[in-house]
C-alpha atoms as a PDB file:
ATOM      1  CA  MET A   1      -0.292  -0.122   0.027  1.00  0.00           C
ATOM      2  CA  CYS A   2       3.144   2.443  -0.506  1.00  0.00           C
ATOM      3  CA  GLY A   3       2.011   5.656  -1.664  1.00  0.00           C
ATOM      4  CA  ARG A   4      -1.881   5.323  -1.097  1.00  0.00           C
ATOM      5  CA  ARG A   5      -3.852   7.334   1.669  1.00  0.00           C
ATOM      6  CA  VAL A   6      -5.175   5.160   4.656  1.00  0.00           C
ATOM      7  CA  GLU A   7      -7.335   5.906   7.547  1.00  0.00           C
ATOM      8  CA  LEU A   8      -6.037   5.141  11.115  1.00  0.00           C
ATOM      9  CA  ARG A   9      -8.735   4.686  13.944  1.00  0.00           C
ATOM     10  CA  PHE A  10      -7.602   4.615  17.491  1.00  0.00           C
ATOM     11  CA  ASP A  11      -8.399   5.768  20.949  1.00  0.00           C
ATOM     12  CA  PRO A  12      -5.966   8.518  22.162  1.00  0.00           C
ATOM     13  CA  TYR A  13      -5.805   7.236  25.751  1.00  0.00           C
ATOM     14  CA  ASP A  14      -4.692   3.741  24.522  1.00  0.00           C
ATOM     15  CA  LEU A  15      -2.319   3.574  21.595  1.00  0.00           C
ATOM     16  CA  GLY A  16      -1.921   0.045  21.805  1.00  0.00           C
ATOM     17  CA  ARG A  17      -4.446  -0.848  19.520  1.00  0.00           C
ATOM     18  CA  ILE A  18      -4.368   1.171  16.046  1.00  0.00           C
ATOM     19  CA  GLU A  19      -6.660  -0.075  13.469  1.00  0.00           C
ATOM     20  CA  VAL A  20      -6.022   0.470   9.414  1.00  0.00           C
ATOM     21  CA  TYR A  21      -8.778   1.266   6.919  1.00  0.00           C
ATOM     22  CA  TYR A  22      -8.284   1.376   3.212  1.00  0.00           C
ATOM     23  CA  ALA A  23     -11.591   2.530   1.055  1.00  0.00           C
ATOM     24  CA  GLY A  24     -13.571   2.417   3.704  1.00  0.00           C
ATOM     25  CA  ARG A  25     -12.719  -1.311   4.530  1.00  0.00           C
ATOM     26  CA  PRO A  26     -10.691  -2.743   7.516  1.00  0.00           C
ATOM     27  CA  PHE A  27      -7.099  -3.838   6.678  1.00  0.00           C
ATOM     28  CA  GLY A  28      -6.112  -5.061  10.027  1.00  0.00           C
ATOM     29  CA  GLN A  29      -4.071  -3.547  13.211  1.00  0.00           C
ATOM     30  CA  ALA A  30      -1.106  -1.615  12.549  1.00  0.00           C
ATOM     31  CA  VAL A  31       2.125  -3.035  13.287  1.00  0.00           C
ATOM     32  CA  ALA A  32       4.774  -0.701  15.411  1.00  0.00           C
ATOM     33  CA  HIS A  33       8.022  -0.271  13.452  1.00  0.00           C
ATOM     34  CA  ARG A  34      11.110   1.066  14.924  1.00  0.00           C
ATOM     35  CA  VAL A  35      13.036   3.677  12.852  1.00  0.00           C
ATOM     36  CA  GLY A  36      16.551   3.397  13.682  1.00  0.00           C
ATOM     37  CA  ARG A  37      19.724   5.095  12.442  1.00  0.00           C
ATOM     38  CA  HIS A  38      20.570   3.869   9.056  1.00  0.00           C
ATOM     39  CA  VAL A  39      24.199   3.180   8.683  1.00  0.00           C
ATOM     40  CA  HIS A  40      26.777   0.922   6.372  1.00  0.00           C
ATOM     41  CA  PRO A  41      27.041  -2.246   7.565  1.00  0.00           C
ATOM     42  CA  GLN A  42      30.690  -2.183   7.488  1.00  0.00           C
ATOM     43  CA  ALA A  43      30.830   1.470   9.453  1.00  0.00           C
ATOM     44  CA  GLN A  44      32.573   1.202  12.768  1.00  0.00           C
ATOM     45  CA  GLU A  45      30.499   2.463  15.613  1.00  0.00           C
ATOM     46  CA  HIS A  46      32.218   5.292  17.573  1.00  0.00           C
ATOM     47  CA  ASP A  47      32.692   4.931  20.885  1.00  0.00           C
ATOM     48  CA  HIS A  48      30.146   7.434  22.754  1.00  0.00           C
ATOM     49  CA  GLU A  49      31.842   7.925  26.155  1.00  0.00           C
ATOM     50  CA  ALA A  50      35.733   8.878  24.343  1.00  0.00           C
ATOM     51  CA  ARG A  51      34.023  11.918  23.135  1.00  0.00           C
ATOM     52  CA  LEU A  52      35.797  14.789  25.246  1.00  0.00           C
ATOM     53  CA  ALA A  53      33.367  17.355  26.601  1.00  0.00           C
ATOM     54  CA  SER A  54      33.862  20.715  25.661  1.00  0.00           C
ATOM     55  CA  GLY A  55      33.293  22.091  29.431  1.00  0.00           C
ATOM     56  CA  ILE A  56      30.830  24.849  27.815  1.00  0.00           C
ATOM     57  CA  ASP A  57      27.779  24.861  29.898  1.00  0.00           C
ATOM     58  CA  TYR A  58      25.126  26.436  27.234  1.00  0.00           C
ATOM     59  CA  THR A  59      22.307  26.819  29.251  1.00  0.00           C
ATOM     60  CA  GLN A  60      24.205  28.253  31.879  1.00  0.00           C
ATOM     61  CA  LEU A  61      25.373  30.745  29.156  1.00  0.00           C
ATOM     62  CA  ILE A  62      21.854  31.563  28.404  1.00  0.00           C
ATOM     63  CA  VAL A  63      20.933  31.974  31.686  1.00  0.00           C
ATOM     64  CA  GLN A  64      23.420  34.510  32.297  1.00  0.00           C
ATOM     65  CA  GLU A  65      22.707  36.213  28.883  1.00  0.00           C
ATOM     66  CA  HIS A  66      18.996  36.866  30.339  1.00  0.00           C
ATOM     67  CA  ALA A  67      19.893  38.101  33.599  1.00  0.00           C
ATOM     68  CA  THR A  68      22.294  40.426  31.795  1.00  0.00           C
ATOM     69  CA  ASP A  69      19.828  41.597  29.678  1.00  0.00           C
ATOM     70  CA  ARG A  70      17.041  41.762  32.351  1.00  0.00           C
ATOM     71  CA  LEU A  71      19.066  44.030  34.767  1.00  0.00           C
ATOM     72  CA  ALA A  72      20.071  46.494  31.731  1.00  0.00           C
ATOM     73  CA  ARG A  73      16.688  47.066  31.097  1.00  0.00           C
ATOM     74  CA  LEU A  74      15.305  47.729  34.660  1.00  0.00           C
ATOM     75  CA  ILE A  75      13.902  51.387  35.207  1.00  0.00           C
ATOM     76  CA  SER A  76      15.348  53.254  37.892  1.00  0.00           C
ATOM     77  CA  TYR A  77      12.116  55.167  39.353  1.00  0.00           C
ATOM     78  CA  HIS A  78      14.005  57.008  41.891  1.00  0.00           C
ATOM     79  CA  GLU A  79      16.305  58.112  38.842  1.00  0.00           C
ATOM     80  CA  LEU A  80      13.076  59.298  36.832  1.00  0.00           C
ATOM     81  CA  ALA A  81      11.721  60.874  39.803  1.00  0.00           C
ATOM     82  CA  ALA A  82      14.777  63.137  40.172  1.00  0.00           C
ATOM     83  CA  GLY A  83      15.212  63.866  36.529  1.00  0.00           C
ATOM     84  CA  ALA A  84      11.522  64.769  36.439  1.00  0.00           C
ATOM     85  CA  ASP A  85      12.064  67.476  39.581  1.00  0.00           C
ATOM     86  CA  ASP A  86      15.048  69.043  37.326  1.00  0.00           C
ATOM     87  CA  ASP A  87      13.330  68.773  34.137  1.00  0.00           C
ATOM     88  CA  ASP A  88       9.978  69.609  35.038  1.00  0.00           C
ATOM     89  CA  ALA A  89      10.272  72.409  37.384  1.00  0.00           C
ATOM     90  CA  ASP A  90      11.081  74.982  34.567  1.00  0.00           C
ATOM     91  CA  ASP A  91       8.297  73.547  31.801  1.00  0.00           C
ATOM     92  CA  ASN A  92       5.322  72.047  34.204  1.00  0.00           C
ATOM     93  CA  ASP A  93       2.624  74.154  35.425  1.00  0.00           C
ATOM     94  CA  ASP A  94       0.328  71.310  36.574  1.00  0.00           C
ATOM     95  CA  GLY A  95       2.178  71.288  40.401  1.00  0.00           C
ATOM     96  CA  ALA A  96       3.080  67.640  40.574  1.00  0.00           C
ATOM     97  CA  GLY A  97       6.887  68.509  40.799  1.00  0.00           C
ATOM     98  CA  GLY A  98       8.120  65.205  39.011  1.00  0.00           C
ATOM     99  CA  VAL A  99       5.862  63.079  41.543  1.00  0.00           C
ATOM    100  CA  LEU A 100       5.038  59.736  39.932  1.00  0.00           C
ATOM    101  CA  ALA A 101       1.734  58.772  40.980  1.00  0.00           C
ATOM    102  CA  LEU A 102      -0.180  55.528  40.267  1.00  0.00           C
ATOM    103  CA  VAL A 103      -3.839  55.862  39.892  1.00  0.00           C
ATOM    104  CA  ARG A 104      -6.280  52.612  40.337  1.00  0.00           C
ATOM    105  CA  SER A 105      -9.151  52.778  38.125  1.00  0.00           C
END
């Protein structure tokens, strides 16, 4: 049945039984196939434990970069208020005097 569309009927909570249908007719139960790594029969297998570790912890690098980026984007409300006192004293006539206020709506 290579190249043809089939219908698979199964219970999503129990994938132990999958039935195959083609053209509305049952064709039996699906058989599991393990897909493995395809290599030439004469190729020598490398020893996975013999590989040297690089010593680089990529996850830790990402965590550090995230923390540095986050710290760079923090807002200093104290500096904003201090800067607003200097700048707004001349230009602002609303009497707020550079004070930040949160209004709950």
